[in-house]
């Protein structure tokens, strides 16, 4: 991680709008949620496969979604696995 610029890696590509997906973070100017990007990647999809399935996004958008998720985990209070499991995930 040395030398990596972790500030605002996603600021221009991730947005929220209370009228789109009830305000979930999305790829800007789309209805594609960060959550969907993470689910795709967690299912083993490559960034190329995500872009192929959703051609109106770019590989940079996929990376922005991952950077956003990393920043949220870095900045928000720690959540235990047990707590996540207790909400039915």
PDB file of N, CA and C in Angstrom:
ATOM      1  N   UNK A   1       0.820  -1.192   0.000  1.00  0.00           N
ATOM      2  CA  UNK A   1       0.000   0.000   0.000  1.00  0.00           C
ATOM      3  C   UNK A   1       0.870   1.265   0.000  1.00  0.00           C
ATOM      4  N   UNK A   2       2.158   1.089   0.182  1.00  0.00           N
ATOM      5  CA  UNK A   2       3.046   2.240   0.193  1.00  0.00           C
ATOM      6  C   UNK A   2       2.982   2.978  -1.139  1.00  0.00           C
ATOM      7  N   UNK A   3       2.873   4.275  -1.072  1.00  0.00           N
ATOM      8  CA  UNK A   3       2.828   5.088  -2.267  1.00  0.00           C
ATOM      9  C   UNK A   3       1.450   5.183  -2.904  1.00  0.00           C
ATOM     10  N   UNK A   4       0.473   4.475  -2.340  1.00  0.00           N
ATOM     11  CA  UNK A   4      -0.871   4.495  -2.912  1.00  0.00           C
ATOM     12  C   UNK A   4      -1.621   5.726  -2.421  1.00  0.00           C
ATOM     13  N   UNK A   5      -2.226   6.437  -3.346  1.00  0.00           N
ATOM     14  CA  UNK A   5      -3.059   7.575  -2.983  1.00  0.00           C
ATOM     15  C   UNK A   5      -4.447   7.057  -2.648  1.00  0.00           C
ATOM     16  N   UNK A   6      -4.776   7.042  -1.355  1.00  0.00           N
ATOM     17  CA  UNK A   6      -6.064   6.497  -0.946  1.00  0.00           C
ATOM     18  C   UNK A   6      -7.116   7.576  -0.724  1.00  0.00           C
ATOM     19  N   UNK A   7      -6.770   8.817  -0.981  1.00  0.00           N
ATOM     20  CA  UNK A   7      -7.723   9.910  -0.785  1.00  0.00           C
ATOM     21  C   UNK A   7      -8.547  10.150  -2.041  1.00  0.00           C
ATOM     22  N   UNK A   8      -9.857  10.130  -1.873  1.00  0.00           N
ATOM     23  CA  UNK A   8     -10.784  10.461  -2.963  1.00  0.00           C
ATOM     24  C   UNK A   8     -10.610   9.606  -4.211  1.00  0.00           C
ATOM     25  N   UNK A   9     -10.295   8.330  -4.023  1.00  0.00           N
ATOM     26  CA  UNK A   9     -10.136   7.443  -5.174  1.00  0.00           C
ATOM     27  C   UNK A   9     -11.458   7.209  -5.878  1.00  0.00           C
ATOM     28  N   UNK A  10     -12.548   7.473  -5.213  1.00  0.00           N
ATOM     29  CA  UNK A  10     -13.865   7.158  -5.754  1.00  0.00           C
ATOM     30  C   UNK A  10     -14.785   8.374  -5.808  1.00  0.00           C
ATOM     31  N   UNK A  11     -14.328   9.519  -5.362  1.00  0.00           N
ATOM     32  CA  UNK A  11     -15.195  10.680  -5.136  1.00  0.00           C
ATOM     33  C   UNK A  11     -15.991  11.115  -6.360  1.00  0.00           C
ATOM     34  N   UNK A  12     -15.459  10.986  -7.546  1.00  0.00           N
ATOM     35  CA  UNK A  12     -16.192  11.433  -8.735  1.00  0.00           C
ATOM     36  C   UNK A  12     -17.026  10.316  -9.355  1.00  0.00           C
ATOM     37  N   UNK A  13     -16.819   9.075  -8.906  1.00  0.00           N
ATOM     38  CA  UNK A  13     -17.496   7.952  -9.549  1.00  0.00           C
ATOM     39  C   UNK A  13     -18.593   7.312  -8.707  1.00  0.00           C
ATOM     40  N   UNK A  14     -18.624   7.592  -7.424  1.00  0.00           N
ATOM     41  CA  UNK A  14     -19.637   7.019  -6.544  1.00  0.00           C
ATOM     42  C   UNK A  14     -20.531   8.151  -6.054  1.00  0.00           C
ATOM     43  N   UNK A  15     -21.836   7.911  -6.095  1.00  0.00           N
ATOM     44  CA  UNK A  15     -22.799   8.937  -5.701  1.00  0.00           C
ATOM     45  C   UNK A  15     -23.929   8.303  -4.897  1.00  0.00           C
ATOM     46  N   UNK A  16     -24.704   9.147  -4.260  1.00  0.00           N
ATOM     47  CA  UNK A  16     -25.943   8.710  -3.616  1.00  0.00           C
ATOM     48  C   UNK A  16     -27.045   9.673  -4.019  1.00  0.00           C
ATOM     49  N   UNK A  17     -28.233   9.128  -4.114  1.00  0.00           N
ATOM     50  CA  UNK A  17     -29.414   9.918  -4.445  1.00  0.00           C
ATOM     51  C   UNK A  17     -30.584   9.219  -3.776  1.00  0.00           C
ATOM     52  N   UNK A  18     -31.272   9.901  -2.860  1.00  0.00           N
ATOM     53  CA  UNK A  18     -32.361   9.241  -2.142  1.00  0.00           C
ATOM     54  C   UNK A  18     -33.461   8.712  -3.057  1.00  0.00           C
ATOM     55  N   UNK A  19     -33.517   9.184  -4.290  1.00  0.00           N
ATOM     56  CA  UNK A  19     -34.541   8.724  -5.233  1.00  0.00           C
ATOM     57  C   UNK A  19     -34.084   7.544  -6.089  1.00  0.00           C
ATOM     58  N   UNK A  20     -32.831   7.143  -5.941  1.00  0.00           N
ATOM     59  CA  UNK A  20     -32.308   5.989  -6.681  1.00  0.00           C
ATOM     60  C   UNK A  20     -31.864   4.937  -5.679  1.00  0.00           C
ATOM     61  N   UNK A  21     -32.475   3.761  -5.745  1.00  0.00           N
ATOM     62  CA  UNK A  21     -32.142   2.649  -4.860  1.00  0.00           C
ATOM     63  C   UNK A  21     -32.152   3.050  -3.389  1.00  0.00           C
ATOM     64  N   UNK A  22     -33.110   3.868  -3.018  1.00  0.00           N
ATOM     65  CA  UNK A  22     -33.295   4.373  -1.649  1.00  0.00           C
ATOM     66  C   UNK A  22     -32.035   4.975  -1.039  1.00  0.00           C
ATOM     67  N   UNK A  23     -31.194   5.555  -1.899  1.00  0.00           N
ATOM     68  CA  UNK A  23     -30.014   6.252  -1.402  1.00  0.00           C
ATOM     69  C   UNK A  23     -28.767   5.406  -1.247  1.00  0.00           C
ATOM     70  N   UNK A  24     -28.808   4.145  -1.690  1.00  0.00           N
ATOM     71  CA  UNK A  24     -27.598   3.326  -1.617  1.00  0.00           C
ATOM     72  C   UNK A  24     -26.524   3.940  -2.508  1.00  0.00           C
ATOM     73  N   UNK A  25     -25.254   3.760  -2.161  1.00  0.00           N
ATOM     74  CA  UNK A  25     -24.183   4.241  -3.028  1.00  0.00           C
ATOM     75  C   UNK A  25     -24.251   3.540  -4.387  1.00  0.00           C
ATOM     76  N   UNK A  26     -24.121   4.325  -5.446  1.00  0.00           N
ATOM     77  CA  UNK A  26     -24.208   3.821  -6.818  1.00  0.00           C
ATOM     78  C   UNK A  26     -23.033   4.329  -7.640  1.00  0.00           C
ATOM     79  N   UNK A  27     -22.811   3.685  -8.780  1.00  0.00           N
ATOM     80  CA  UNK A  27     -21.883   4.231  -9.758  1.00  0.00           C
ATOM     81  C   UNK A  27     -22.572   5.481 -10.321  1.00  0.00           C
ATOM     82  N   UNK A  28     -21.895   6.612 -10.299  1.00  0.00           N
ATOM     83  CA  UNK A  28     -22.490   7.885 -10.704  1.00  0.00           C
ATOM     84  C   UNK A  28     -23.143   7.771 -12.075  1.00  0.00           C
ATOM     85  N   UNK A  29     -24.289   8.400 -12.206  1.00  0.00           N
ATOM     86  CA  UNK A  29     -25.059   8.461 -13.454  1.00  0.00           C
ATOM     87  C   UNK A  29     -25.585   7.102 -13.907  1.00  0.00           C
ATOM     88  N   UNK A  30     -25.705   6.159 -12.964  1.00  0.00           N
ATOM     89  CA  UNK A  30     -26.284   4.845 -13.267  1.00  0.00           C
ATOM     90  C   UNK A  30     -27.232   4.457 -12.135  1.00  0.00           C
ATOM     91  N   UNK A  31     -27.816   3.284 -12.269  1.00  0.00           N
ATOM     92  CA  UNK A  31     -28.587   2.673 -11.195  1.00  0.00           C
ATOM     93  C   UNK A  31     -27.882   1.407 -10.703  1.00  0.00           C
ATOM     94  N   UNK A  32     -26.581   1.334 -10.950  1.00  0.00           N
ATOM     95  CA  UNK A  32     -25.768   0.190 -10.542  1.00  0.00           C
ATOM     96  C   UNK A  32     -25.178   0.487  -9.168  1.00  0.00           C
ATOM     97  N   UNK A  33     -25.532  -0.343  -8.189  1.00  0.00           N
ATOM     98  CA  UNK A  33     -25.081  -0.082  -6.820  1.00  0.00           C
ATOM     99  C   UNK A  33     -23.675  -0.625  -6.558  1.00  0.00           C
ATOM    100  N   UNK A  34     -23.014   0.002  -5.621  1.00  0.00           N
ATOM    101  CA  UNK A  34     -21.730  -0.504  -5.134  1.00  0.00           C
ATOM    102  C   UNK A  34     -21.937  -1.915  -4.595  1.00  0.00           C
ATOM    103  N   UNK A  35     -23.042  -2.131  -3.922  1.00  0.00           N
ATOM    104  CA  UNK A  35     -23.362  -3.453  -3.384  1.00  0.00           C
ATOM    105  C   UNK A  35     -23.372  -4.511  -4.489  1.00  0.00           C
ATOM    106  N   UNK A  36     -23.976  -4.207  -5.633  1.00  0.00           N
ATOM    107  CA  UNK A  36     -24.000  -5.147  -6.752  1.00  0.00           C
ATOM    108  C   UNK A  36     -22.589  -5.420  -7.250  1.00  0.00           C
ATOM    109  N   UNK A  37     -21.766  -4.376  -7.361  1.00  0.00           N
ATOM    110  CA  UNK A  37     -20.382  -4.559  -7.794  1.00  0.00           C
ATOM    111  C   UNK A  37     -19.645  -5.492  -6.844  1.00  0.00           C
ATOM    112  N   UNK A  38     -19.829  -5.285  -5.543  1.00  0.00           N
ATOM    113  CA  UNK A  38     -19.159  -6.131  -4.555  1.00  0.00           C
ATOM    114  C   UNK A  38     -19.668  -7.563  -4.628  1.00  0.00           C
ATOM    115  N   UNK A  39     -20.976  -7.733  -4.799  1.00  0.00           N
ATOM    116  CA  UNK A  39     -21.540  -9.084  -4.934  1.00  0.00           C
ATOM    117  C   UNK A  39     -20.964  -9.801  -6.150  1.00  0.00           C
ATOM    118  N   UNK A  40     -20.860  -9.099  -7.260  1.00  0.00           N
ATOM    119  CA  UNK A  40     -20.289  -9.703  -8.471  1.00  0.00           C
ATOM    120  C   UNK A  40     -18.852 -10.137  -8.225  1.00  0.00           C
ATOM    121  N   UNK A  41     -18.065  -9.249  -7.648  1.00  0.00           N
ATOM    122  CA  UNK A  41     -16.662  -9.572  -7.397  1.00  0.00           C
ATOM    123  C   UNK A  41     -16.536 -10.702  -6.376  1.00  0.00           C
ATOM    124  N   UNK A  42     -17.383 -10.703  -5.356  1.00  0.00           N
ATOM    125  CA  UNK A  42     -17.345 -11.773  -4.355  1.00  0.00           C
ATOM    126  C   UNK A  42     -17.762 -13.116  -4.937  1.00  0.00           C
ATOM    127  N   UNK A  43     -18.516 -13.087  -6.018  1.00  0.00           N
ATOM    128  CA  UNK A  43     -18.934 -14.314  -6.698  1.00  0.00           C
ATOM    129  C   UNK A  43     -17.881 -14.821  -7.674  1.00  0.00           C
ATOM    130  N   UNK A  44     -16.760 -14.114  -7.739  1.00  0.00           N
ATOM    131  CA  UNK A  44     -15.664 -14.558  -8.587  1.00  0.00           C
ATOM    132  C   UNK A  44     -15.564 -13.877  -9.932  1.00  0.00           C
ATOM    133  N   UNK A  45     -16.423 -12.892 -10.170  1.00  0.00           N
ATOM    134  CA  UNK A  45     -16.359 -12.178 -11.448  1.00  0.00           C
ATOM    135  C   UNK A  45     -15.103 -11.312 -11.472  1.00  0.00           C
ATOM    136  N   UNK A  46     -14.498 -11.234 -12.630  1.00  0.00           N
ATOM    137  CA  UNK A  46     -13.398 -10.293 -12.835  1.00  0.00           C
ATOM    138  C   UNK A  46     -13.999  -8.925 -13.143  1.00  0.00           C
ATOM    139  N   UNK A  47     -13.167  -7.900 -13.062  1.00  0.00           N
ATOM    140  CA  UNK A  47     -13.634  -6.558 -13.440  1.00  0.00           C
ATOM    141  C   UNK A  47     -14.079  -6.558 -14.895  1.00  0.00           C
ATOM    142  N   UNK A  48     -13.373  -7.296 -15.732  1.00  0.00           N
ATOM    143  CA  UNK A  48     -13.748  -7.371 -17.150  1.00  0.00           C
ATOM    144  C   UNK A  48     -15.130  -7.994 -17.328  1.00  0.00           C
ATOM    145  N   UNK A  49     -15.425  -9.035 -16.558  1.00  0.00           N
ATOM    146  CA  UNK A  49     -16.740  -9.672 -16.664  1.00  0.00           C
ATOM    147  C   UNK A  49     -17.843  -8.723 -16.191  1.00  0.00           C
ATOM    148  N   UNK A  50     -17.577  -7.949 -15.133  1.00  0.00           N
ATOM    149  CA  UNK A  50     -18.558  -6.979 -14.646  1.00  0.00           C
ATOM    150  C   UNK A  50     -18.849  -5.955 -15.734  1.00  0.00           C
ATOM    151  N   UNK A  51     -17.803  -5.439 -16.369  1.00  0.00           N
ATOM    152  CA  UNK A  51     -17.976  -4.434 -17.423  1.00  0.00           C
ATOM    153  C   UNK A  51     -18.696  -5.052 -18.625  1.00  0.00           C
ATOM    154  N   UNK A  52     -18.405  -6.299 -18.925  1.00  0.00           N
ATOM    155  CA  UNK A  52     -19.089  -6.973 -20.022  1.00  0.00           C
ATOM    156  C   UNK A  52     -20.585  -7.109 -19.726  1.00  0.00           C
ATOM    157  N   UNK A  53     -20.919  -7.428 -18.479  1.00  0.00           N
ATOM    158  CA  UNK A  53     -22.326  -7.583 -18.089  1.00  0.00           C
ATOM    159  C   UNK A  53     -23.046  -6.237 -17.978  1.00  0.00           C
ATOM    160  N   UNK A  54     -22.325  -5.202 -17.625  1.00  0.00           N
ATOM    161  CA  UNK A  54     -22.883  -3.854 -17.448  1.00  0.00           C
ATOM    162  C   UNK A  54     -22.042  -2.884 -18.281  1.00  0.00           C
ATOM    163  N   UNK A  55     -22.217  -2.877 -19.600  1.00  0.00           N
ATOM    164  CA  UNK A  55     -21.315  -2.125 -20.487  1.00  0.00           C
ATOM    165  C   UNK A  55     -21.348  -0.612 -20.322  1.00  0.00           C
ATOM    166  N   UNK A  56     -22.298  -0.089 -19.572  1.00  0.00           N
ATOM    167  CA  UNK A  56     -22.324   1.357 -19.368  1.00  0.00           C
ATOM    168  C   UNK A  56     -21.448   1.786 -18.186  1.00  0.00           C
ATOM    169  N   UNK A  57     -20.707   0.829 -17.578  1.00  0.00           N
ATOM    170  CA  UNK A  57     -19.720   1.199 -16.571  1.00  0.00           C
ATOM    171  C   UNK A  57     -18.334   0.852 -17.103  1.00  0.00           C
ATOM    172  N   UNK A  58     -17.316   1.354 -16.440  1.00  0.00           N
ATOM    173  CA  UNK A  58     -15.930   1.161 -16.872  1.00  0.00           C
ATOM    174  C   UNK A  58     -15.164   0.355 -15.833  1.00  0.00           C
ATOM    175  N   UNK A  59     -14.000  -0.166 -16.207  1.00  0.00           N
ATOM    176  CA  UNK A  59     -13.165  -0.831 -15.204  1.00  0.00           C
ATOM    177  C   UNK A  59     -12.821   0.104 -14.043  1.00  0.00           C
ATOM    178  N   UNK A  60     -12.672   1.382 -14.334  1.00  0.00           N
ATOM    179  CA  UNK A  60     -12.389   2.359 -13.280  1.00  0.00           C
ATOM    180  C   UNK A  60     -13.554   2.481 -12.304  1.00  0.00           C
ATOM    181  N   UNK A  61     -14.789   2.331 -12.804  1.00  0.00           N
ATOM    182  CA  UNK A  61     -15.961   2.359 -11.924  1.00  0.00           C
ATOM    183  C   UNK A  61     -15.941   1.175 -10.966  1.00  0.00           C
ATOM    184  N   UNK A  62     -15.547   0.011 -11.465  1.00  0.00           N
ATOM    185  CA  UNK A  62     -15.460  -1.178 -10.610  1.00  0.00           C
ATOM    186  C   UNK A  62     -14.420  -0.948  -9.519  1.00  0.00           C
ATOM    187  N   UNK A  63     -13.273  -0.417  -9.899  1.00  0.00           N
ATOM    188  CA  UNK A  63     -12.233  -0.129  -8.910  1.00  0.00           C
ATOM    189  C   UNK A  63     -12.690   0.941  -7.916  1.00  0.00           C
ATOM    190  N   UNK A  64     -13.456   1.909  -8.387  1.00  0.00           N
ATOM    191  CA  UNK A  64     -13.980   2.943  -7.496  1.00  0.00           C
ATOM    192  C   UNK A  64     -14.923   2.324  -6.460  1.00  0.00           C
ATOM    193  N   UNK A  65     -15.736   1.363  -6.874  1.00  0.00           N
ATOM    194  CA  UNK A  65     -16.640   0.690  -5.930  1.00  0.00           C
ATOM    195  C   UNK A  65     -15.848  -0.054  -4.868  1.00  0.00           C
ATOM    196  N   UNK A  66     -14.779  -0.730  -5.279  1.00  0.00           N
ATOM    197  CA  UNK A  66     -13.933  -1.429  -4.310  1.00  0.00           C
ATOM    198  C   UNK A  66     -13.238  -0.448  -3.374  1.00  0.00           C
ATOM    199  N   UNK A  67     -12.759   0.668  -3.917  1.00  0.00           N
ATOM    200  CA  UNK A  67     -12.099   1.685  -3.096  1.00  0.00           C
ATOM    201  C   UNK A  67     -13.079   2.297  -2.104  1.00  0.00           C
ATOM    202  N   UNK A  68     -14.307   2.544  -2.551  1.00  0.00           N
ATOM    203  CA  UNK A  68     -15.337   3.080  -1.661  1.00  0.00           C
ATOM    204  C   UNK A  68     -15.571   2.128  -0.494  1.00  0.00           C
ATOM    205  N   UNK A  69     -15.735   0.837  -0.795  1.00  0.00           N
ATOM    206  CA  UNK A  69     -15.973  -0.150   0.264  1.00  0.00           C
ATOM    207  C   UNK A  69     -14.794  -0.205   1.229  1.00  0.00           C
ATOM    208  N   UNK A  70     -13.589  -0.166   0.712  1.00  0.00           N
ATOM    209  CA  UNK A  70     -12.405  -0.179   1.576  1.00  0.00           C
ATOM    210  C   UNK A  70     -12.377   1.054   2.471  1.00  0.00           C
ATOM    211  N   UNK A  71     -12.702   2.209   1.907  1.00  0.00           N
ATOM    212  CA  UNK A  71     -12.706   3.442   2.704  1.00  0.00           C
ATOM    213  C   UNK A  71     -13.789   3.424   3.771  1.00  0.00           C
ATOM    214  N   UNK A  72     -14.953   2.872   3.456  1.00  0.00           N
ATOM    215  CA  UNK A  72     -16.016   2.771   4.458  1.00  0.00           C
ATOM    216  C   UNK A  72     -15.544   1.918   5.622  1.00  0.00           C
ATOM    217  N   UNK A  73     -14.954   0.775   5.323  1.00  0.00           N
ATOM    218  CA  UNK A  73     -14.465  -0.100   6.393  1.00  0.00           C
ATOM    219  C   UNK A  73     -13.331   0.543   7.173  1.00  0.00           C
ATOM    220  N   UNK A  74     -12.534   1.352   6.512  1.00  0.00           N
ATOM    221  CA  UNK A  74     -11.435   2.036   7.178  1.00  0.00           C
ATOM    222  C   UNK A  74     -11.945   3.131   8.114  1.00  0.00           C
ATOM    223  N   UNK A  75     -13.022   3.803   7.736  1.00  0.00           N
ATOM    224  CA  UNK A  75     -13.470   4.994   8.457  1.00  0.00           C
ATOM    225  C   UNK A  75     -14.609   4.756   9.437  1.00  0.00           C
ATOM    226  N   UNK A  76     -15.371   3.690   9.249  1.00  0.00           N
ATOM    227  CA  UNK A  76     -16.528   3.443  10.109  1.00  0.00           C
ATOM    228  C   UNK A  76     -16.140   2.520  11.256  1.00  0.00           C
ATOM    229  N   UNK A  77     -16.922   2.567  12.341  1.00  0.00           N
ATOM    230  CA  UNK A  77     -16.627   1.688  13.476  1.00  0.00           C
ATOM    231  C   UNK A  77     -16.623   0.220  13.064  1.00  0.00           C
ATOM    232  N   UNK A  78     -15.831  -0.533  13.733  1.00  0.00           N
ATOM    233  CA  UNK A  78     -15.683  -1.952  13.459  1.00  0.00           C
ATOM    234  C   UNK A  78     -16.991  -2.691  13.696  1.00  0.00           C
ATOM    235  N   UNK A  79     -17.332  -3.587  12.813  1.00  0.00           N
ATOM    236  CA  UNK A  79     -18.522  -4.412  12.940  1.00  0.00           C
ATOM    237  C   UNK A  79     -18.062  -5.860  13.012  1.00  0.00           C
ATOM    238  N   UNK A  80     -18.525  -6.586  14.011  1.00  0.00           N
ATOM    239  CA  UNK A  80     -18.127  -7.978  14.138  1.00  0.00           C
ATOM    240  C   UNK A  80     -18.919  -8.848  13.176  1.00  0.00           C
ATOM    241  N   UNK A  81     -18.359  -9.985  12.843  1.00  0.00           N
ATOM    242  CA  UNK A  81     -19.034 -10.947  11.973  1.00  0.00           C
ATOM    243  C   UNK A  81     -20.335 -11.393  12.642  1.00  0.00           C
ATOM    244  N   UNK A  82     -20.299 -11.613  13.942  1.00  0.00           N
ATOM    245  CA  UNK A  82     -21.501 -12.049  14.667  1.00  0.00           C
ATOM    246  C   UNK A  82     -22.623 -11.022  14.540  1.00  0.00           C
ATOM    247  N   UNK A  83     -22.274  -9.751  14.582  1.00  0.00           N
ATOM    248  CA  UNK A  83     -23.293  -8.708  14.453  1.00  0.00           C
ATOM    249  C   UNK A  83     -23.921  -8.715  13.060  1.00  0.00           C
ATOM    250  N   UNK A  84     -23.101  -8.908  12.027  1.00  0.00           N
ATOM    251  CA  UNK A  84     -23.621  -8.976  10.660  1.00  0.00           C
ATOM    252  C   UNK A  84     -24.508 -10.196  10.509  1.00  0.00           C
ATOM    253  N   UNK A  85     -24.066 -11.330  11.022  1.00  0.00           N
ATOM    254  CA  UNK A  85     -24.848 -12.551  10.922  1.00  0.00           C
ATOM    255  C   UNK A  85     -26.187 -12.427  11.644  1.00  0.00           C
ATOM    256  N   UNK A  86     -26.241 -11.639  12.705  1.00  0.00           N
ATOM    257  CA  UNK A  86     -27.478 -11.517  13.485  1.00  0.00           C
ATOM    258  C   UNK A  86     -28.563 -10.716  12.763  1.00  0.00           C
ATOM    259  N   UNK A  87     -28.207  -9.982  11.720  1.00  0.00           N
ATOM    260  CA  UNK A  87     -29.220  -9.242  10.960  1.00  0.00           C
ATOM    261  C   UNK A  87     -29.681 -10.010   9.735  1.00  0.00           C
ATOM    262  N   UNK A  88     -29.317 -11.277   9.663  1.00  0.00           N
ATOM    263  CA  UNK A  88     -29.833 -12.134   8.626  1.00  0.00           C
ATOM    264  C   UNK A  88     -29.118 -12.079   7.306  1.00  0.00           C
ATOM    265  N   UNK A  89     -27.866 -11.678   7.303  1.00  0.00           N
ATOM    266  CA  UNK A  89     -27.100 -11.641   6.057  1.00  0.00           C
ATOM    267  C   UNK A  89     -26.640 -13.033   5.711  1.00  0.00           C
TER     268      UNK A  89
END
